[in-house]
PDB file of N, CA and C in Angstrom:
ATOM      1  N   MET A   1       8.975  14.394 -37.813  1.00  0.00           N
ATOM      2  CA  MET A   1       8.431  12.648 -37.560  1.00  0.00           C
ATOM      3  C   MET A   1       8.786  12.618 -36.029  1.00  0.00           C
ATOM      4  N   ILE A   2      10.439  12.225 -35.924  1.00  0.00           N
ATOM      5  CA  ILE A   2      10.906  11.986 -34.335  1.00  0.00           C
ATOM      6  C   ILE A   2       9.995  12.780 -33.381  1.00  0.00           C
ATOM      7  N   GLY A   3       9.659  13.914 -33.589  1.00  0.00           N
ATOM      8  CA  GLY A   3       8.923  14.796 -32.513  1.00  0.00           C
ATOM      9  C   GLY A   3       7.699  14.107 -32.189  1.00  0.00           C
ATOM     10  N   TYR A   4       7.255  13.706 -33.305  1.00  0.00           N
ATOM     11  CA  TYR A   4       5.541  13.085 -33.149  1.00  0.00           C
ATOM     12  C   TYR A   4       5.982  11.740 -32.083  1.00  0.00           C
ATOM     13  N   ILE A   5       6.984  10.690 -32.512  1.00  0.00           N
ATOM     14  CA  ILE A   5       7.355   9.816 -31.872  1.00  0.00           C
ATOM     15  C   ILE A   5       7.480   9.847 -30.402  1.00  0.00           C
ATOM     16  N   ILE A   6       8.530  10.963 -30.176  1.00  0.00           N
ATOM     17  CA  ILE A   6       8.736  11.383 -28.551  1.00  0.00           C
ATOM     18  C   ILE A   6       7.328  11.792 -28.034  1.00  0.00           C
ATOM     19  N   ILE A   7       6.498  12.955 -28.951  1.00  0.00           N
ATOM     20  CA  ILE A   7       5.249  13.409 -28.394  1.00  0.00           C
ATOM     21  C   ILE A   7       4.438  12.061 -27.679  1.00  0.00           C
ATOM     22  N   GLY A   8       4.348  11.120 -28.615  1.00  0.00           N
ATOM     23  CA  GLY A   8       3.314   9.837 -28.738  1.00  0.00           C
ATOM     24  C   GLY A   8       4.024   9.092 -27.383  1.00  0.00           C
ATOM     25  N   ILE A   9       5.427   9.019 -27.150  1.00  0.00           N
ATOM     26  CA  ILE A   9       5.743   8.164 -26.180  1.00  0.00           C
ATOM     27  C   ILE A   9       5.520   8.845 -24.939  1.00  0.00           C
ATOM     28  N   ALA A  10       5.525  10.048 -25.051  1.00  0.00           N
ATOM     29  CA  ALA A  10       5.472  11.197 -23.568  1.00  0.00           C
ATOM     30  C   ALA A  10       4.045  10.730 -23.117  1.00  0.00           C
ATOM     31  N   VAL A  11       3.215  11.347 -24.299  1.00  0.00           N
ATOM     32  CA  VAL A  11       1.539  10.929 -24.108  1.00  0.00           C
ATOM     33  C   VAL A  11       0.965   9.365 -23.664  1.00  0.00           C
ATOM     34  N   GLY A  12       1.948   8.595 -24.057  1.00  0.00           N
ATOM     35  CA  GLY A  12       1.473   7.427 -23.607  1.00  0.00           C
ATOM     36  C   GLY A  12       2.118   6.797 -22.314  1.00  0.00           C
ATOM     37  N   GLY A  13       3.058   7.448 -21.978  1.00  0.00           N
ATOM     38  CA  GLY A  13       3.963   7.217 -20.842  1.00  0.00           C
ATOM     39  C   GLY A  13       2.978   8.128 -19.682  1.00  0.00           C
ATOM     40  N   ILE A  14       2.267   9.120 -19.982  1.00  0.00           N
ATOM     41  CA  ILE A  14       1.515  10.008 -18.999  1.00  0.00           C
ATOM     42  C   ILE A  14       0.204   9.094 -18.949  1.00  0.00           C
ATOM     43  N   ILE A  15      -0.351   8.681 -19.842  1.00  0.00           N
ATOM     44  CA  ILE A  15      -1.761   7.753 -19.772  1.00  0.00           C
ATOM     45  C   ILE A  15      -1.330   6.722 -18.826  1.00  0.00           C
ATOM     46  N   GLY A  16       0.014   5.616 -19.235  1.00  0.00           N
ATOM     47  CA  GLY A  16       0.012   4.593 -18.570  1.00  0.00           C
ATOM     48  C   GLY A  16       0.104   5.012 -17.103  1.00  0.00           C
ATOM     49  N   TYR A  17       1.092   6.312 -16.718  1.00  0.00           N
ATOM     50  CA  TYR A  17       1.089   6.611 -15.438  1.00  0.00           C
ATOM     51  C   TYR A  17      -0.171   6.888 -14.610  1.00  0.00           C
ATOM     52  N   LEU A  18      -0.973   7.747 -15.252  1.00  0.00           N
ATOM     53  CA  LEU A  18      -2.256   7.971 -14.851  1.00  0.00           C
ATOM     54  C   LEU A  18      -3.357   6.743 -14.579  1.00  0.00           C
ATOM     55  N   LEU A  19      -3.237   5.810 -15.365  1.00  0.00           N
ATOM     56  CA  LEU A  19      -3.971   4.651 -15.237  1.00  0.00           C
ATOM     57  C   LEU A  19      -3.668   3.699 -14.243  1.00  0.00           C
ATOM     58  N   ALA A  20      -2.284   3.688 -13.984  1.00  0.00           N
ATOM     59  CA  ALA A  20      -1.527   2.881 -13.222  1.00  0.00           C
ATOM     60  C   ALA A  20      -1.792   3.507 -11.683  1.00  0.00           C
ATOM     61  N   GLU A  21      -1.742   5.070 -11.559  1.00  0.00           N
ATOM     62  CA  GLU A  21      -2.131   5.482 -10.412  1.00  0.00           C
ATOM     63  C   GLU A  21      -3.540   5.291 -10.036  1.00  0.00           C
ATOM     64  N   SER A  22      -4.484   5.417 -10.844  1.00  0.00           N
ATOM     65  CA  SER A  22      -5.997   5.034 -10.557  1.00  0.00           C
ATOM     66  C   SER A  22      -6.118   3.767 -10.107  1.00  0.00           C
ATOM     67  N   LYS A  23      -5.582   2.758 -10.826  1.00  0.00           N
ATOM     68  CA  LYS A  23      -5.751   1.548 -10.248  1.00  0.00           C
ATOM     69  C   LYS A  23      -5.112   1.299  -8.988  1.00  0.00           C
ATOM     70  N   SER A  24      -4.037   1.884  -8.504  1.00  0.00           N
ATOM     71  CA  SER A  24      -3.387   2.009  -7.294  1.00  0.00           C
ATOM     72  C   SER A  24      -4.538   2.386  -6.360  1.00  0.00           C
ATOM     73  N   LYS A  25      -5.134   3.817  -6.579  1.00  0.00           N
ATOM     74  CA  LYS A  25      -6.070   4.123  -5.705  1.00  0.00           C
ATOM     75  C   LYS A  25      -7.201   3.136  -5.819  1.00  0.00           C
ATOM     76  N   ILE A  26      -7.877   2.786  -6.646  1.00  0.00           N
ATOM     77  CA  ILE A  26      -8.634   1.704  -6.157  1.00  0.00           C
ATOM     78  C   ILE A  26      -8.251   0.384  -5.542  1.00  0.00           C
ATOM     79  N   LEU A  27      -7.061  -0.207  -5.677  1.00  0.00           N
ATOM     80  CA  LEU A  27      -6.814  -1.190  -5.194  1.00  0.00           C
ATOM     81  C   LEU A  27      -6.414  -0.820  -3.543  1.00  0.00           C
ATOM     82  N   THR A  28      -5.706   0.592  -3.557  1.00  0.00           N
ATOM     83  CA  THR A  28      -5.957   0.819  -1.737  1.00  0.00           C
ATOM     84  C   THR A  28      -7.053   0.955  -1.103  1.00  0.00           C
ATOM     85  N   GLY A  29      -8.230   1.476  -1.803  1.00  0.00           N
ATOM     86  CA  GLY A  29      -9.418   1.626  -1.305  1.00  0.00           C
ATOM     87  C   GLY A  29     -10.054   0.326  -0.891  1.00  0.00           C
ATOM     88  N   LYS A  30      -9.972  -0.772  -2.002  1.00  0.00           N
ATOM     89  CA  LYS A  30     -10.431  -2.031  -1.698  1.00  0.00           C
ATOM     90  C   LYS A  30      -9.656  -2.730  -0.682  1.00  0.00           C
ATOM     91  N   HIS A  31      -8.310  -2.305  -0.362  1.00  0.00           N
ATOM     92  CA  HIS A  31      -7.767  -2.976   0.745  1.00  0.00           C
ATOM     93  C   HIS A  31      -8.058  -2.340   2.042  1.00  0.00           C
ATOM     94  N   SER A  32      -8.299  -1.017   2.201  1.00  0.00           N
ATOM     95  CA  SER A  32      -8.621  -0.461   3.357  1.00  0.00           C
ATOM     96  C   SER A  32     -10.217  -1.002   3.481  1.00  0.00           C
ATOM     97  N   ALA A  33     -11.081  -1.175   2.755  1.00  0.00           N
ATOM     98  CA  ALA A  33     -12.413  -1.881   2.809  1.00  0.00           C
ATOM     99  C   ALA A  33     -12.075  -3.088   3.694  1.00  0.00           C
ATOM    100  N   LEU A  34     -11.048  -4.203   2.941  1.00  0.00           N
ATOM    101  CA  LEU A  34     -11.192  -5.402   3.521  1.00  0.00           C
ATOM    102  C   LEU A  34     -10.287  -5.306   5.033  1.00  0.00           C
ATOM    103  N   ILE A  35      -9.377  -4.480   5.185  1.00  0.00           N
ATOM    104  CA  ILE A  35      -8.991  -4.553   6.546  1.00  0.00           C
ATOM    105  C   ILE A  35     -10.025  -4.107   7.458  1.00  0.00           C
ATOM    106  N   GLY A  36     -10.860  -3.032   7.248  1.00  0.00           N
ATOM    107  CA  GLY A  36     -12.220  -2.653   7.829  1.00  0.00           C
ATOM    108  C   GLY A  36     -13.134  -4.151   8.324  1.00  0.00           C
ATOM    109  N   GLN A  37     -13.053  -4.973   6.942  1.00  0.00           N
ATOM    110  CA  GLN A  37     -14.209  -6.127   7.381  1.00  0.00           C
ATOM    111  C   GLN A  37     -13.332  -7.046   8.135  1.00  0.00           C
ATOM    112  N   LEU A  38     -11.963  -7.176   8.050  1.00  0.00           N
ATOM    113  CA  LEU A  38     -11.214  -8.052   8.776  1.00  0.00           C
ATOM    114  C   LEU A  38     -11.366  -7.633  10.199  1.00  0.00           C
ATOM    115  N   GLN A  39     -11.096  -6.619  10.487  1.00  0.00           N
ATOM    116  CA  GLN A  39     -11.312  -5.988  12.096  1.00  0.00           C
ATOM    117  C   GLN A  39     -12.771  -6.253  12.617  1.00  0.00           C
ATOM    118  N   GLN A  40     -13.579  -6.059  11.750  1.00  0.00           N
ATOM    119  CA  GLN A  40     -15.115  -6.308  12.348  1.00  0.00           C
ATOM    120  C   GLN A  40     -15.168  -7.783  12.555  1.00  0.00           C
ATOM    121  N   LYS A  41     -15.043  -8.621  11.652  1.00  0.00           N
ATOM    122  CA  LYS A  41     -14.736 -10.028  11.512  1.00  0.00           C
ATOM    123  C   LYS A  41     -14.093 -10.411  13.292  1.00  0.00           C
ATOM    124  N   GLU A  42     -13.083  -9.970  13.160  1.00  0.00           N
ATOM    125  CA  GLU A  42     -12.248 -10.326  14.538  1.00  0.00           C
ATOM    126  C   GLU A  42     -13.012  -9.743  15.853  1.00  0.00           C
ATOM    127  N   ASN A  43     -13.255  -8.426  15.568  1.00  0.00           N
ATOM    128  CA  ASN A  43     -14.211  -8.323  16.879  1.00  0.00           C
ATOM    129  C   ASN A  43     -15.493  -9.192  17.047  1.00  0.00           C
ATOM    130  N   GLU A  44     -16.062  -9.551  16.106  1.00  0.00           N
ATOM    131  CA  GLU A  44     -17.224 -10.672  16.369  1.00  0.00           C
ATOM    132  C   GLU A  44     -16.642 -11.938  16.748  1.00  0.00           C
ATOM    133  N   ILE A  45     -15.563 -12.469  16.160  1.00  0.00           N
ATOM    134  CA  ILE A  45     -14.745 -13.466  16.705  1.00  0.00           C
ATOM    135  C   ILE A  45     -14.412 -13.416  18.242  1.00  0.00           C
ATOM    136  N   SER A  46     -13.724 -12.423  18.580  1.00  0.00           N
ATOM    137  CA  SER A  46     -13.652 -11.945  19.794  1.00  0.00           C
ATOM    138  C   SER A  46     -14.884 -12.052  21.165  1.00  0.00           C
ATOM    139  N   LEU A  47     -16.055 -11.352  20.566  1.00  0.00           N
ATOM    140  CA  LEU A  47     -17.355 -11.382  21.148  1.00  0.00           C
ATOM    141  C   LEU A  47     -18.031 -12.791  21.495  1.00  0.00           C
ATOM    142  N   THR A  48     -17.432 -13.482  20.370  1.00  0.00           N
ATOM    143  CA  THR A  48     -18.186 -15.054  20.213  1.00  0.00           C
ATOM    144  C   THR A  48     -17.196 -15.794  21.386  1.00  0.00           C
ATOM    145  N   ASN A  49     -16.068 -16.086  21.183  1.00  0.00           N
ATOM    146  CA  ASN A  49     -15.017 -16.444  22.145  1.00  0.00           C
ATOM    147  C   ASN A  49     -15.463 -16.013  23.575  1.00  0.00           C
ATOM    148  N   ASN A  50     -15.889 -14.667  23.977  1.00  0.00           N
ATOM    149  CA  ASN A  50     -16.249 -14.453  25.403  1.00  0.00           C
ATOM    150  C   ASN A  50     -17.364 -14.841  25.629  1.00  0.00           C
ATOM    151  N   LYS A  51     -18.453 -15.143  24.739  1.00  0.00           N
ATOM    152  CA  LYS A  51     -19.626 -15.684  25.295  1.00  0.00           C
ATOM    153  C   LYS A  51     -19.398 -17.033  25.483  1.00  0.00           C
ATOM    154  N   LEU A  52     -18.477 -17.969  24.393  1.00  0.00           N
ATOM    155  CA  LEU A  52     -18.147 -19.127  24.511  1.00  0.00           C
ATOM    156  C   LEU A  52     -17.378 -19.510  26.198  1.00  0.00           C
ATOM    157  N   LEU A  53     -16.569 -18.558  26.389  1.00  0.00           N
ATOM    158  CA  LEU A  53     -16.196 -18.690  27.897  1.00  0.00           C
ATOM    159  C   LEU A  53     -16.934 -18.795  28.757  1.00  0.00           C
ATOM    160  N   GLU A  54     -18.015 -17.956  28.846  1.00  0.00           N
ATOM    161  CA  GLU A  54     -18.809 -17.411  29.882  1.00  0.00           C
ATOM    162  C   GLU A  54     -19.692 -18.787  29.700  1.00  0.00           C
ATOM    163  N   ALA A  55     -20.387 -19.253  28.692  1.00  0.00           N
ATOM    164  CA  ALA A  55     -20.894 -20.458  28.586  1.00  0.00           C
ATOM    165  C   ALA A  55     -20.157 -21.901  29.128  1.00  0.00           C
ATOM    166  N   ASN A  56     -18.984 -21.480  28.931  1.00  0.00           N
ATOM    167  CA  ASN A  56     -18.165 -22.888  29.567  1.00  0.00           C
ATOM    168  C   ASN A  56     -18.077 -22.890  30.931  1.00  0.00           C
ATOM    169  N   ALA A  57     -17.709 -21.538  31.529  1.00  0.00           N
ATOM    170  CA  ALA A  57     -17.670 -21.482  32.933  1.00  0.00           C
ATOM    171  C   ALA A  57     -19.347 -21.950  33.549  1.00  0.00           C
ATOM    172  N   GLU A  58     -20.411 -21.452  32.961  1.00  0.00           N
ATOM    173  CA  GLU A  58     -21.542 -21.688  33.557  1.00  0.00           C
ATOM    174  C   GLU A  58     -22.045 -23.206  33.227  1.00  0.00           C
ATOM    175  N   LEU A  59     -21.080 -23.842  32.282  1.00  0.00           N
ATOM    176  CA  LEU A  59     -21.651 -25.463  32.014  1.00  0.00           C
ATOM    177  C   LEU A  59     -20.796 -25.913  33.068  1.00  0.00           C
ATOM    178  N   ARG A  60     -19.806 -25.658  33.717  1.00  0.00           N
ATOM    179  CA  ARG A  60     -18.626 -26.648  34.703  1.00  0.00           C
ATOM    180  C   ARG A  60     -19.703 -26.201  35.918  1.00  0.00           C
ATOM    181  N   GLU A  61     -20.028 -25.143  36.083  1.00  0.00           N
ATOM    182  CA  GLU A  61     -20.761 -24.736  37.372  1.00  0.00           C
ATOM    183  C   GLU A  61     -22.178 -25.725  37.471  1.00  0.00           C
ATOM    184  N   LEU A  62     -22.713 -25.608  36.526  1.00  0.00           N
ATOM    185  CA  LEU A  62     -23.754 -26.498  36.464  1.00  0.00           C
ATOM    186  C   LEU A  62     -23.520 -28.210  36.709  1.00  0.00           C
ATOM    187  N   SER A  63     -22.582 -28.356  35.963  1.00  0.00           N
ATOM    188  CA  SER A  63     -21.859 -29.971  35.975  1.00  0.00           C
ATOM    189  C   SER A  63     -21.886 -29.817  37.688  1.00  0.00           C
ATOM    190  N   SER A  64     -20.832 -29.264  38.156  1.00  0.00           N
ATOM    191  CA  SER A  64     -20.613 -29.230  39.429  1.00  0.00           C
ATOM    192  C   SER A  64     -21.885 -29.487  40.150  1.00  0.00           C
ATOM    193  N   LYS A  65     -22.771 -28.679  40.134  1.00  0.00           N
ATOM    194  CA  LYS A  65     -24.113 -28.843  41.260  1.00  0.00           C
ATOM    195  C   LYS A  65     -24.926 -30.010  40.541  1.00  0.00           C
ATOM    196  N   LEU A  66     -24.690 -30.824  39.774  1.00  0.00           N
ATOM    197  CA  LEU A  66     -25.581 -31.873  39.171  1.00  0.00           C
ATOM    198  C   LEU A  66     -24.636 -32.756  39.645  1.00  0.00           C
ATOM    199  N   ALA A  67     -23.471 -32.860  39.616  1.00  0.00           N
ATOM    200  CA  ALA A  67     -22.599 -33.986  40.630  1.00  0.00           C
ATOM    201  C   ALA A  67     -23.190 -33.773  41.987  1.00  0.00           C
ATOM    202  N   GLU A  68     -22.947 -33.064  42.260  1.00  0.00           N
ATOM    203  CA  GLU A  68     -23.334 -32.611  43.974  1.00  0.00           C
ATOM    204  C   GLU A  68     -24.855 -33.189  44.228  1.00  0.00           C
ATOM    205  N   THR A  69     -25.772 -32.956  43.337  1.00  0.00           N
ATOM    206  CA  THR A  69     -26.798 -33.485  43.664  1.00  0.00           C
ATOM    207  C   THR A  69     -27.288 -35.009  43.215  1.00  0.00           C
ATOM    208  N   GLU A  70     -26.452 -35.404  42.487  1.00  0.00           N
ATOM    209  CA  GLU A  70     -26.166 -37.115  42.295  1.00  0.00           C
ATOM    210  C   GLU A  70     -25.932 -37.706  43.468  1.00  0.00           C
ATOM    211  N   MET A  71     -24.881 -36.794  44.155  1.00  0.00           N
ATOM    212  CA  MET A  71     -24.207 -37.726  45.161  1.00  0.00           C
ATOM    213  C   MET A  71     -25.377 -37.435  46.354  1.00  0.00           C
ATOM    214  N   ALA A  72     -26.045 -36.345  46.506  1.00  0.00           N
ATOM    215  CA  ALA A  72     -27.140 -36.080  47.702  1.00  0.00           C
ATOM    216  C   ALA A  72     -28.214 -37.440  47.235  1.00  0.00           C
ATOM    217  N   ARG A  73     -28.839 -37.461  45.973  1.00  0.00           N
ATOM    218  CA  ARG A  73     -29.814 -38.268  45.897  1.00  0.00           C
ATOM    219  C   ARG A  73     -29.434 -40.045  46.191  1.00  0.00           C
ATOM    220  N   LYS A  74     -27.852 -40.074  45.995  1.00  0.00           N
ATOM    221  CA  LYS A  74     -27.516 -41.405  46.077  1.00  0.00           C
ATOM    222  C   LYS A  74     -27.716 -41.804  47.658  1.00  0.00           C
ATOM    223  N   LYS A  75     -27.008 -40.744  48.385  1.00  0.00           N
ATOM    224  CA  LYS A  75     -26.931 -40.564  49.905  1.00  0.00           C
ATOM    225  C   LYS A  75     -28.655 -40.709  50.665  1.00  0.00           C
ATOM    226  N   ASP A  76     -29.587 -40.225  49.736  1.00  0.00           N
ATOM    227  CA  ASP A  76     -30.683 -40.208  50.148  1.00  0.00           C
ATOM    228  C   ASP A  76     -31.235 -41.659  49.732  1.00  0.00           C
ATOM    229  N   LEU A  77     -30.896 -42.240  48.766  1.00  0.00           N
ATOM    230  CA  LEU A  77     -31.460 -43.509  48.232  1.00  0.00           C
ATOM    231  C   LEU A  77     -30.817 -44.624  49.316  1.00  0.00           C
ATOM    232  N   GLU A  78     -29.828 -44.190  49.889  1.00  0.00           N
ATOM    233  CA  GLU A  78     -29.222 -45.330  50.824  1.00  0.00           C
ATOM    234  C   GLU A  78     -29.793 -44.977  52.178  1.00  0.00           C
ATOM    235  N   LYS A  79     -30.276 -44.094  52.459  1.00  0.00           N
ATOM    236  CA  LYS A  79     -30.814 -43.654  53.711  1.00  0.00           C
ATOM    237  C   LYS A  79     -32.429 -44.281  53.766  1.00  0.00           C
ATOM    238  N   ILE A  80     -32.784 -44.156  52.567  1.00  0.00           N
ATOM    239  CA  ILE A  80     -34.320 -44.802  52.351  1.00  0.00           C
ATOM    240  C   ILE A  80     -34.069 -46.342  52.496  1.00  0.00           C
ATOM    241  N   GLY A  81     -32.891 -47.046  51.808  1.00  0.00           N
ATOM    242  CA  GLY A  81     -32.863 -48.309  51.789  1.00  0.00           C
ATOM    243  C   GLY A  81     -32.870 -49.033  53.174  1.00  0.00           C
ATOM    244  N   ASP A  82     -31.854 -48.151  54.009  1.00  0.00           N
ATOM    245  CA  ASP A  82     -31.426 -48.489  55.413  1.00  0.00           C
ATOM    246  C   ASP A  82     -32.935 -48.377  56.357  1.00  0.00           C
ATOM    247  N   GLN A  83     -33.387 -47.395  56.178  1.00  0.00           N
ATOM    248  CA  GLN A  83     -34.947 -47.277  56.684  1.00  0.00           C
ATOM    249  C   GLN A  83     -35.967 -48.243  56.327  1.00  0.00           C
ATOM    250  N   LEU A  84     -35.873 -48.810  55.111  1.00  0.00           N
ATOM    251  CA  LEU A  84     -36.761 -49.876  54.666  1.00  0.00           C
ATOM    252  C   LEU A  84     -36.216 -51.097  55.172  1.00  0.00           C
ATOM    253  N   THR A  85     -34.934 -51.178  55.211  1.00  0.00           N
ATOM    254  CA  THR A  85     -34.350 -52.515  56.030  1.00  0.00           C
ATOM    255  C   THR A  85     -34.837 -52.548  57.771  1.00  0.00           C
ATOM    256  N   LEU A  86     -34.458 -51.510  58.404  1.00  0.00           N
ATOM    257  CA  LEU A  86     -35.104 -51.177  59.695  1.00  0.00           C
ATOM    258  C   LEU A  86     -36.631 -51.645  59.553  1.00  0.00           C
ATOM    259  N   LEU A  87     -37.227 -51.174  58.558  1.00  0.00           N
ATOM    260  CA  LEU A  87     -38.844 -51.165  58.836  1.00  0.00           C
ATOM    261  C   LEU A  87     -38.905 -52.711  58.577  1.00  0.00           C
ATOM    262  N   ALA A  88     -38.450 -53.343  57.801  1.00  0.00           N
ATOM    263  CA  ALA A  88     -38.950 -54.918  57.578  1.00  0.00           C
ATOM    264  C   ALA A  88     -38.246 -55.566  58.900  1.00  0.00           C
ATOM    265  N   SER A  89     -37.213 -54.979  59.325  1.00  0.00           N
ATOM    266  CA  SER A  89     -36.728 -56.081  60.538  1.00  0.00           C
ATOM    267  C   SER A  89     -37.637 -55.595  61.564  1.00  0.00           C
ATOM    268  N   ALA A  90     -38.098 -54.528  62.013  1.00  0.00           N
ATOM    269  CA  ALA A  90     -39.317 -54.087  62.982  1.00  0.00           C
ATOM    270  C   ALA A  90     -40.391 -54.967  62.880  1.00  0.00           C
ATOM    271  N   LYS A  91     -40.678 -55.149  61.732  1.00  0.00           N
ATOM    272  CA  LYS A  91     -42.257 -55.867  61.279  1.00  0.00           C
ATOM    273  C   LYS A  91     -41.632 -57.374  61.618  1.00  0.00           C
ATOM    274  N   GLU A  92     -40.752 -57.882  61.442  1.00  0.00           N
ATOM    275  CA  GLU A  92     -40.520 -59.274  61.885  1.00  0.00           C
ATOM    276  C   GLU A  92     -40.360 -59.554  63.124  1.00  0.00           C
ATOM    277  N   GLN A  93     -39.858 -58.330  64.060  1.00  0.00           N
ATOM    278  CA  GLN A  93     -39.837 -58.585  65.587  1.00  0.00           C
ATOM    279  C   GLN A  93     -41.303 -58.438  66.171  1.00  0.00           C
TER     280      GLN A  93
END
């Protein structure tokens, strides 16, 4: 009778060990898959950040060109205003 109890405990222990090891392998596989997905997402984030940096650099360049164009436009308007004043003055004379 005690022999059956010992055999039952041993068989139960072996089954428990095998189930735990099987679950551990499943979790290890899931862990590896999640690490792979995480690395893929990190790569995507890195690529997106690089694109954003390039877009920001282009935006700064365009903003600078816009400011230069706006200054040139203002100077042109001043010249046109001066020329209109001279023209009006010449008409009066």
